[in-house]
Amino acid sequence: MKPSLANIRRDASDVTAGGGHGTGVGDATVRLQRLSLELMLEPGPLLEPIEEALAQHGAPLRWAITACTALPGGQRWIRLEAVVLHGAP
């Protein structure tokens, strides 16, 4: 079952890989995006639903669970902080 997204906060910045525009070394532009996700997860393993939720926003470079609350019925509310990459070659 896919996790439900309760809240998403995003900050994005552009990073130029290679030599940048006009240098002749390469003009690949990638975007790093910081995310704060709040998920409601069903009982069971955490890794797969977390990876699925992050993949919807880009390729995860790093992530951490910064808060977790057990709810009645075995559900869990989880806050993730992550950095994802967009536009990789």
PDB file of N, CA and C in Angstrom:
ATOM      1  N   MET A   1       0.839  -1.177   0.000  1.00  0.00           N
ATOM      2  CA  MET A   1       0.000   0.000   0.000  1.00  0.00           C
ATOM      3  C   MET A   1       0.883   1.239   0.000  1.00  0.00           C
ATOM      4  N   LYS A   2       0.554   2.198  -0.836  1.00  0.00           N
ATOM      5  CA  LYS A   2       1.343   3.414  -0.916  1.00  0.00           C
ATOM      6  C   LYS A   2       1.092   4.276   0.316  1.00  0.00           C
ATOM      7  N   PRO A   3       2.135   4.969   0.783  1.00  0.00           N
ATOM      8  CA  PRO A   3       1.953   5.850   1.924  1.00  0.00           C
ATOM      9  C   PRO A   3       1.120   7.057   1.525  1.00  0.00           C
ATOM     10  N   SER A   4       0.379   7.589   2.473  1.00  0.00           N
ATOM     11  CA  SER A   4      -0.345   8.818   2.194  1.00  0.00           C
ATOM     12  C   SER A   4       0.553   9.988   2.578  1.00  0.00           C
ATOM     13  N   LEU A   5       0.556  11.010   1.748  1.00  0.00           N
ATOM     14  CA  LEU A   5       1.374  12.182   2.004  1.00  0.00           C
ATOM     15  C   LEU A   5       0.526  13.209   2.727  1.00  0.00           C
ATOM     16  N   ALA A   6       0.899  13.513   3.954  1.00  0.00           N
ATOM     17  CA  ALA A   6       0.144  14.472   4.729  1.00  0.00           C
ATOM     18  C   ALA A   6       0.589  15.901   4.423  1.00  0.00           C
ATOM     19  N   ASN A   7       1.879  16.088   4.184  1.00  0.00           N
ATOM     20  CA  ASN A   7       2.402  17.428   4.001  1.00  0.00           C
ATOM     21  C   ASN A   7       3.727  17.342   3.259  1.00  0.00           C
ATOM     22  N   ILE A   8       3.971  18.285   2.371  1.00  0.00           N
ATOM     23  CA  ILE A   8       5.236  18.333   1.639  1.00  0.00           C
ATOM     24  C   ILE A   8       5.730  19.776   1.643  1.00  0.00           C
ATOM     25  N   ARG A   9       6.990  19.961   2.017  1.00  0.00           N
ATOM     26  CA  ARG A   9       7.627  21.270   1.919  1.00  0.00           C
ATOM     27  C   ARG A   9       8.855  21.102   1.038  1.00  0.00           C
ATOM     28  N   ARG A  10       9.044  22.006   0.065  1.00  0.00           N
ATOM     29  CA  ARG A  10      10.148  21.871  -0.877  1.00  0.00           C
ATOM     30  C   ARG A  10      10.949  23.164  -0.947  1.00  0.00           C
ATOM     31  N   ASP A  11      12.247  23.010  -1.038  1.00  0.00           N
ATOM     32  CA  ASP A  11      13.159  24.101  -1.370  1.00  0.00           C
ATOM     33  C   ASP A  11      14.023  23.582  -2.499  1.00  0.00           C
ATOM     34  N   ALA A  12      14.193  24.364  -3.539  1.00  0.00           N
ATOM     35  CA  ALA A  12      14.994  23.898  -4.672  1.00  0.00           C
ATOM     36  C   ALA A  12      16.077  24.910  -5.000  1.00  0.00           C
ATOM     37  N   SER A  13      17.200  24.403  -5.468  1.00  0.00           N
ATOM     38  CA  SER A  13      18.264  25.273  -5.961  1.00  0.00           C
ATOM     39  C   SER A  13      18.912  24.585  -7.151  1.00  0.00           C
ATOM     40  N   ASP A  14      19.361  25.372  -8.111  1.00  0.00           N
ATOM     41  CA  ASP A  14      20.020  24.819  -9.290  1.00  0.00           C
ATOM     42  C   ASP A  14      21.516  24.732  -9.045  1.00  0.00           C
ATOM     43  N   VAL A  15      22.091  23.636  -9.461  1.00  0.00           N
ATOM     44  CA  VAL A  15      23.522  23.421  -9.362  1.00  0.00           C
ATOM     45  C   VAL A  15      23.996  23.056 -10.755  1.00  0.00           C
ATOM     46  N   THR A  16      25.047  23.686 -11.227  1.00  0.00           N
ATOM     47  CA  THR A  16      25.567  23.382 -12.551  1.00  0.00           C
ATOM     48  C   THR A  16      26.712  22.400 -12.424  1.00  0.00           C
ATOM     49  N   ALA A  17      26.603  21.284 -13.132  1.00  0.00           N
ATOM     50  CA  ALA A  17      27.669  20.285 -13.148  1.00  0.00           C
ATOM     51  C   ALA A  17      28.564  20.558 -14.344  1.00  0.00           C
ATOM     52  N   GLY A  18      29.748  20.016 -14.332  1.00  0.00           N
ATOM     53  CA  GLY A  18      30.685  20.262 -15.423  1.00  0.00           C
ATOM     54  C   GLY A  18      31.245  21.660 -15.301  1.00  0.00           C
ATOM     55  N   GLY A  19      31.484  22.310 -16.429  1.00  0.00           N
ATOM     56  CA  GLY A  19      32.103  23.628 -16.414  1.00  0.00           C
ATOM     57  C   GLY A  19      31.121  24.773 -16.381  1.00  0.00           C
ATOM     58  N   GLY A  20      29.852  24.495 -16.569  1.00  0.00           N
ATOM     59  CA  GLY A  20      28.869  25.570 -16.560  1.00  0.00           C
ATOM     60  C   GLY A  20      28.671  26.143 -17.952  1.00  0.00           C
ATOM     61  N   HIS A  21      27.778  27.094 -18.058  1.00  0.00           N
ATOM     62  CA  HIS A  21      27.422  27.689 -19.346  1.00  0.00           C
ATOM     63  C   HIS A  21      28.596  28.471 -19.918  1.00  0.00           C
ATOM     64  N   GLY A  22      28.894  28.211 -21.195  1.00  0.00           N
ATOM     65  CA  GLY A  22      29.897  28.986 -21.894  1.00  0.00           C
ATOM     66  C   GLY A  22      31.337  28.590 -21.639  1.00  0.00           C
ATOM     67  N   THR A  23      31.580  27.543 -20.872  1.00  0.00           N
ATOM     68  CA  THR A  23      32.962  27.156 -20.596  1.00  0.00           C
ATOM     69  C   THR A  23      33.458  26.094 -21.551  1.00  0.00           C
ATOM     70  N   GLY A  24      32.548  25.434 -22.274  1.00  0.00           N
ATOM     71  CA  GLY A  24      32.938  24.379 -23.189  1.00  0.00           C
ATOM     72  C   GLY A  24      33.261  23.062 -22.503  1.00  0.00           C
ATOM     73  N   VAL A  25      33.130  23.005 -21.186  1.00  0.00           N
ATOM     74  CA  VAL A  25      33.455  21.790 -20.440  1.00  0.00           C
ATOM     75  C   VAL A  25      32.229  20.906 -20.275  1.00  0.00           C
ATOM     76  N   GLY A  26      31.069  21.455 -20.384  1.00  0.00           N
ATOM     77  CA  GLY A  26      29.832  20.695 -20.209  1.00  0.00           C
ATOM     78  C   GLY A  26      28.782  21.600 -19.604  1.00  0.00           C
ATOM     79  N   ASP A  27      27.578  21.451 -20.047  1.00  0.00           N
ATOM     80  CA  ASP A  27      26.526  22.333 -19.578  1.00  0.00           C
ATOM     81  C   ASP A  27      25.378  21.552 -18.954  1.00  0.00           C
ATOM     82  N   ALA A  28      25.676  20.529 -18.202  1.00  0.00           N
ATOM     83  CA  ALA A  28      24.633  19.729 -17.562  1.00  0.00           C
ATOM     84  C   ALA A  28      24.142  20.459 -16.318  1.00  0.00           C
ATOM     85  N   THR A  29      22.864  20.752 -16.269  1.00  0.00           N
ATOM     86  CA  THR A  29      22.295  21.403 -15.099  1.00  0.00           C
ATOM     87  C   THR A  29      21.443  20.397 -14.348  1.00  0.00           C
ATOM     88  N   VAL A  30      21.699  20.281 -13.078  1.00  0.00           N
ATOM     89  CA  VAL A  30      20.901  19.420 -12.217  1.00  0.00           C
ATOM     90  C   VAL A  30      20.303  20.284 -11.119  1.00  0.00           C
ATOM     91  N   ARG A  31      19.236  19.803 -10.554  1.00  0.00           N
ATOM     92  CA  ARG A  31      18.580  20.544  -9.487  1.00  0.00           C
ATOM     93  C   ARG A  31      18.565  19.700  -8.227  1.00  0.00           C
ATOM     94  N   LEU A  32      19.063  20.263  -7.153  1.00  0.00           N
ATOM     95  CA  LEU A  32      18.953  19.637  -5.841  1.00  0.00           C
ATOM     96  C   LEU A  32      17.721  20.204  -5.164  1.00  0.00           C
ATOM     97  N   GLN A  33      16.944  19.339  -4.542  1.00  0.00           N
ATOM     98  CA  GLN A  33      15.723  19.784  -3.888  1.00  0.00           C
ATOM     99  C   GLN A  33      15.682  19.227  -2.476  1.00  0.00           C
ATOM    100  N   ARG A  34      15.508  20.119  -1.511  1.00  0.00           N
ATOM    101  CA  ARG A  34      15.320  19.686  -0.125  1.00  0.00           C
ATOM    102  C   ARG A  34      13.834  19.468   0.106  1.00  0.00           C
ATOM    103  N   LEU A  35      13.502  18.366   0.743  1.00  0.00           N
ATOM    104  CA  LEU A  35      12.105  18.020   1.006  1.00  0.00           C
ATOM    105  C   LEU A  35      11.889  17.763   2.486  1.00  0.00           C
ATOM    106  N   SER A  36      10.716  18.092   2.931  1.00  0.00           N
ATOM    107  CA  SER A  36      10.223  17.646   4.222  1.00  0.00           C
ATOM    108  C   SER A  36       8.888  16.968   3.937  1.00  0.00           C
ATOM    109  N   LEU A  37       8.820  15.658   4.137  1.00  0.00           N
ATOM    110  CA  LEU A  37       7.610  14.887   3.863  1.00  0.00           C
ATOM    111  C   LEU A  37       7.030  14.363   5.161  1.00  0.00           C
ATOM    112  N   GLU A  38       5.718  14.377   5.266  1.00  0.00           N
ATOM    113  CA  GLU A  38       5.025  13.727   6.368  1.00  0.00           C
ATOM    114  C   GLU A  38       4.199  12.602   5.772  1.00  0.00           C
ATOM    115  N   LEU A  39       4.411  11.385   6.265  1.00  0.00           N
ATOM    116  CA  LEU A  39       3.762  10.195   5.720  1.00  0.00           C
ATOM    117  C   LEU A  39       2.955   9.487   6.793  1.00  0.00           C
ATOM    118  N   MET A  40       1.841   8.882   6.381  1.00  0.00           N
ATOM    119  CA  MET A  40       1.087   7.964   7.227  1.00  0.00           C
ATOM    120  C   MET A  40       1.344   6.577   6.662  1.00  0.00           C
ATOM    121  N   LEU A  41       2.019   5.729   7.430  1.00  0.00           N
ATOM    122  CA  LEU A  41       2.399   4.406   6.946  1.00  0.00           C
ATOM    123  C   LEU A  41       1.645   3.316   7.695  1.00  0.00           C
ATOM    124  N   GLU A  42       1.278   2.282   6.954  1.00  0.00           N
ATOM    125  CA  GLU A  42       0.614   1.116   7.527  1.00  0.00           C
ATOM    126  C   GLU A  42       1.640   0.277   8.286  1.00  0.00           C
ATOM    127  N   PRO A  43       1.175  -0.631   9.149  1.00  0.00           N
ATOM    128  CA  PRO A  43       2.108  -1.524   9.849  1.00  0.00           C
ATOM    129  C   PRO A  43       2.944  -2.318   8.850  1.00  0.00           C
ATOM    130  N   GLY A  44       4.184  -2.566   9.193  1.00  0.00           N
ATOM    131  CA  GLY A  44       5.076  -3.336   8.330  1.00  0.00           C
ATOM    132  C   GLY A  44       6.406  -2.641   8.163  1.00  0.00           C
ATOM    133  N   PRO A  45       7.220  -3.161   7.249  1.00  0.00           N
ATOM    134  CA  PRO A  45       8.539  -2.576   7.007  1.00  0.00           C
ATOM    135  C   PRO A  45       8.430  -1.120   6.536  1.00  0.00           C
ATOM    136  N   LEU A  46       9.429  -0.322   6.872  1.00  0.00           N
ATOM    137  CA  LEU A  46       9.419   1.102   6.537  1.00  0.00           C
ATOM    138  C   LEU A  46      10.162   1.438   5.246  1.00  0.00           C
ATOM    139  N   LEU A  47      11.223   0.709   4.933  1.00  0.00           N
ATOM    140  CA  LEU A  47      12.122   1.110   3.858  1.00  0.00           C
ATOM    141  C   LEU A  47      11.420   1.241   2.509  1.00  0.00           C
ATOM    142  N   GLU A  48      10.661   0.236   2.101  1.00  0.00           N
ATOM    143  CA  GLU A  48      10.028   0.267   0.778  1.00  0.00           C
ATOM    144  C   GLU A  48       9.052   1.434   0.621  1.00  0.00           C
ATOM    145  N   PRO A  49       8.116   1.665   1.559  1.00  0.00           N
ATOM    146  CA  PRO A  49       7.209   2.803   1.361  1.00  0.00           C
ATOM    147  C   PRO A  49       7.919   4.154   1.415  1.00  0.00           C
ATOM    148  N   ILE A  50       8.988   4.263   2.199  1.00  0.00           N
ATOM    149  CA  ILE A  50       9.750   5.515   2.242  1.00  0.00           C
ATOM    150  C   ILE A  50      10.443   5.744   0.902  1.00  0.00           C
ATOM    151  N   GLU A  51      11.086   4.712   0.364  1.00  0.00           N
ATOM    152  CA  GLU A  51      11.768   4.849  -0.931  1.00  0.00           C
ATOM    153  C   GLU A  51      10.779   5.179  -2.046  1.00  0.00           C
ATOM    154  N   GLU A  52       9.579   4.586  -2.013  1.00  0.00           N
ATOM    155  CA  GLU A  52       8.552   4.888  -3.016  1.00  0.00           C
ATOM    156  C   GLU A  52       8.112   6.343  -2.929  1.00  0.00           C
ATOM    157  N   ALA A  53       7.908   6.832  -1.716  1.00  0.00           N
ATOM    158  CA  ALA A  53       7.479   8.222  -1.538  1.00  0.00           C
ATOM    159  C   ALA A  53       8.551   9.188  -2.024  1.00  0.00           C
ATOM    160  N   LEU A  54       9.810   8.912  -1.713  1.00  0.00           N
ATOM    161  CA  LEU A  54      10.899   9.789  -2.143  1.00  0.00           C
ATOM    162  C   LEU A  54      11.089   9.759  -3.655  1.00  0.00           C
ATOM    163  N   ALA A  55      10.927   8.597  -4.281  1.00  0.00           N
ATOM    164  CA  ALA A  55      11.125   8.460  -5.725  1.00  0.00           C
ATOM    165  C   ALA A  55      10.143   9.319  -6.525  1.00  0.00           C
ATOM    166  N   GLN A  56       9.005   9.661  -5.946  1.00  0.00           N
ATOM    167  CA  GLN A  56       8.035  10.524  -6.620  1.00  0.00           C
ATOM    168  C   GLN A  56       8.570  11.940  -6.798  1.00  0.00           C
ATOM    169  N   HIS A  57       9.628  12.289  -6.060  1.00  0.00           N
ATOM    170  CA  HIS A  57      10.158  13.652  -6.065  1.00  0.00           C
ATOM    171  C   HIS A  57      11.533  13.763  -6.708  1.00  0.00           C
ATOM    172  N   GLY A  58      12.164  12.648  -7.075  1.00  0.00           N
ATOM    173  CA  GLY A  58      13.487  12.666  -7.678  1.00  0.00           C
ATOM    174  C   GLY A  58      14.314  11.500  -7.167  1.00  0.00           C
ATOM    175  N   ALA A  59      15.611  11.521  -7.486  1.00  0.00           N
ATOM    176  CA  ALA A  59      16.530  10.472  -7.025  1.00  0.00           C
ATOM    177  C   ALA A  59      17.085  10.877  -5.661  1.00  0.00           C
ATOM    178  N   PRO A  60      16.772  10.121  -4.604  1.00  0.00           N
ATOM    179  CA  PRO A  60      17.230  10.523  -3.271  1.00  0.00           C
ATOM    180  C   PRO A  60      18.752  10.433  -3.136  1.00  0.00           C
ATOM    181  N   LEU A  61      19.352  11.507  -2.649  1.00  0.00           N
ATOM    182  CA  LEU A  61      20.777  11.511  -2.331  1.00  0.00           C
ATOM    183  C   LEU A  61      20.987  11.133  -0.870  1.00  0.00           C
ATOM    184  N   ARG A  62      20.123  11.664  -0.016  1.00  0.00           N
ATOM    185  CA  ARG A  62      20.173  11.318   1.404  1.00  0.00           C
ATOM    186  C   ARG A  62      18.801  11.599   2.003  1.00  0.00           C
ATOM    187  N   TRP A  63      18.484  10.900   3.078  1.00  0.00           N
ATOM    188  CA  TRP A  63      17.235  11.140   3.779  1.00  0.00           C
ATOM    189  C   TRP A  63      17.363  10.660   5.217  1.00  0.00           C
ATOM    190  N   ALA A  64      16.483  11.179   6.071  1.00  0.00           N
ATOM    191  CA  ALA A  64      16.475  10.788   7.478  1.00  0.00           C
ATOM    192  C   ALA A  64      15.057  10.883   8.017  1.00  0.00           C
ATOM    193  N   ILE A  65      14.719   9.974   8.919  1.00  0.00           N
ATOM    194  CA  ILE A  65      13.470  10.071   9.670  1.00  0.00           C
ATOM    195  C   ILE A  65      13.751  11.025  10.824  1.00  0.00           C
ATOM    196  N   THR A  66      13.024  12.145  10.872  1.00  0.00           N
ATOM    197  CA  THR A  66      13.261  13.133  11.921  1.00  0.00           C
ATOM    198  C   THR A  66      12.192  13.114  13.006  1.00  0.00           C
ATOM    199  N   ALA A  67      11.083  12.415  12.760  1.00  0.00           N
ATOM    200  CA  ALA A  67      10.045  12.253  13.781  1.00  0.00           C
ATOM    201  C   ALA A  67       9.191  11.048  13.416  1.00  0.00           C
ATOM    202  N   CYS A  68       8.700  10.356  14.438  1.00  0.00           N
ATOM    203  CA  CYS A  68       7.846   9.192  14.221  1.00  0.00           C
ATOM    204  C   CYS A  68       6.895   9.059  15.405  1.00  0.00           C
ATOM    205  N   THR A  69       5.614   8.855  15.118  1.00  0.00           N
ATOM    206  CA  THR A  69       4.615   8.664  16.164  1.00  0.00           C
ATOM    207  C   THR A  69       3.793   7.425  15.834  1.00  0.00           C
ATOM    208  N   ALA A  70       3.687   6.507  16.804  1.00  0.00           N
ATOM    209  CA  ALA A  70       2.842   5.318  16.641  1.00  0.00           C
ATOM    210  C   ALA A  70       1.392   5.721  16.893  1.00  0.00           C
ATOM    211  N   LEU A  71       0.506   5.292  16.004  1.00  0.00           N
ATOM    212  CA  LEU A  71      -0.911   5.627  16.102  1.00  0.00           C
ATOM    213  C   LEU A  71      -1.717   4.367  16.389  1.00  0.00           C
ATOM    214  N   PRO A  72      -2.959   4.526  16.882  1.00  0.00           N
ATOM    215  CA  PRO A  72      -3.808   3.361  17.108  1.00  0.00           C
ATOM    216  C   PRO A  72      -3.982   2.563  15.814  1.00  0.00           C
ATOM    217  N   GLY A  73      -4.031   1.265  15.935  1.00  0.00           N
ATOM    218  CA  GLY A  73      -4.191   0.400  14.771  1.00  0.00           C
ATOM    219  C   GLY A  73      -2.880   0.059  14.094  1.00  0.00           C
ATOM    220  N   GLY A  74      -1.770   0.491  14.657  1.00  0.00           N
ATOM    221  CA  GLY A  74      -0.470   0.146  14.105  1.00  0.00           C
ATOM    222  C   GLY A  74       0.079   1.106  13.063  1.00  0.00           C
ATOM    223  N   GLN A  75      -0.715   2.093  12.647  1.00  0.00           N
ATOM    224  CA  GLN A  75      -0.194   3.068  11.688  1.00  0.00           C
ATOM    225  C   GLN A  75       0.895   3.910  12.341  1.00  0.00           C
ATOM    226  N   ARG A  76       1.734   4.505  11.479  1.00  0.00           N
ATOM    227  CA  ARG A  76       2.788   5.390  11.968  1.00  0.00           C
ATOM    228  C   ARG A  76       2.787   6.681  11.168  1.00  0.00           C
ATOM    229  N   TRP A  77       2.917   7.790  11.881  1.00  0.00           N
ATOM    230  CA  TRP A  77       3.115   9.093  11.258  1.00  0.00           C
ATOM    231  C   TRP A  77       4.612   9.338  11.287  1.00  0.00           C
ATOM    232  N   ILE A  78       5.186   9.635  10.114  1.00  0.00           N
ATOM    233  CA  ILE A  78       6.631   9.798  10.001  1.00  0.00           C
ATOM    234  C   ILE A  78       6.936  11.097   9.273  1.00  0.00           C
ATOM    235  N   ARG A  79       7.902  11.839   9.797  1.00  0.00           N
ATOM    236  CA  ARG A  79       8.422  13.013   9.095  1.00  0.00           C
ATOM    237  C   ARG A  79       9.802  12.660   8.550  1.00  0.00           C
ATOM    238  N   LEU A  80      10.004  12.930   7.256  1.00  0.00           N
ATOM    239  CA  LEU A  80      11.286  12.702   6.590  1.00  0.00           C
ATOM    240  C   LEU A  80      11.874  14.033   6.152  1.00  0.00           C
ATOM    241  N   GLU A  81      13.170  14.167   6.269  1.00  0.00           N
ATOM    242  CA  GLU A  81      13.918  15.270   5.663  1.00  0.00           C
ATOM    243  C   GLU A  81      14.802  14.619   4.609  1.00  0.00           C
ATOM    244  N   ALA A  82      14.811  15.164   3.400  1.00  0.00           N
ATOM    245  CA  ALA A  82      15.549  14.524   2.307  1.00  0.00           C
ATOM    246  C   ALA A  82      16.121  15.561   1.349  1.00  0.00           C
ATOM    247  N   VAL A  83      17.117  15.118   0.590  1.00  0.00           N
ATOM    248  CA  VAL A  83      17.639  15.871  -0.552  1.00  0.00           C
ATOM    249  C   VAL A  83      17.539  14.939  -1.752  1.00  0.00           C
ATOM    250  N   VAL A  84      16.868  15.424  -2.810  1.00  0.00           N
ATOM    251  CA  VAL A  84      16.715  14.627  -4.024  1.00  0.00           C
ATOM    252  C   VAL A  84      17.332  15.375  -5.199  1.00  0.00           C
ATOM    253  N   LEU A  85      17.674  14.624  -6.232  1.00  0.00           N
ATOM    254  CA  LEU A  85      18.347  15.149  -7.413  1.00  0.00           C
ATOM    255  C   LEU A  85      17.424  15.035  -8.616  1.00  0.00           C
ATOM    256  N   HIS A  86      17.358  16.101  -9.421  1.00  0.00           N
ATOM    257  CA  HIS A  86      16.588  16.120 -10.671  1.00  0.00           C
ATOM    258  C   HIS A  86      17.528  16.428 -11.819  1.00  0.00           C
ATOM    259  N   GLY A  87      17.295  15.811 -12.965  1.00  0.00           N
ATOM    260  CA  GLY A  87      18.022  16.154 -14.179  1.00  0.00           C
ATOM    261  C   GLY A  87      19.398  15.545 -14.308  1.00  0.00           C
ATOM    262  N   ALA A  88      19.645  14.448 -13.613  1.00  0.00           N
ATOM    263  CA  ALA A  88      20.951  13.790 -13.739  1.00  0.00           C
ATOM    264  C   ALA A  88      21.061  13.156 -15.120  1.00  0.00           C
ATOM    265  N   PRO A  89      22.254  13.187 -15.715  1.00  0.00           N
ATOM    266  CA  PRO A  89      22.426  12.597 -17.053  1.00  0.00           C
ATOM    267  C   PRO A  89      22.191  11.108 -17.054  1.00  0.00           C
TER     268      PRO A  89
END
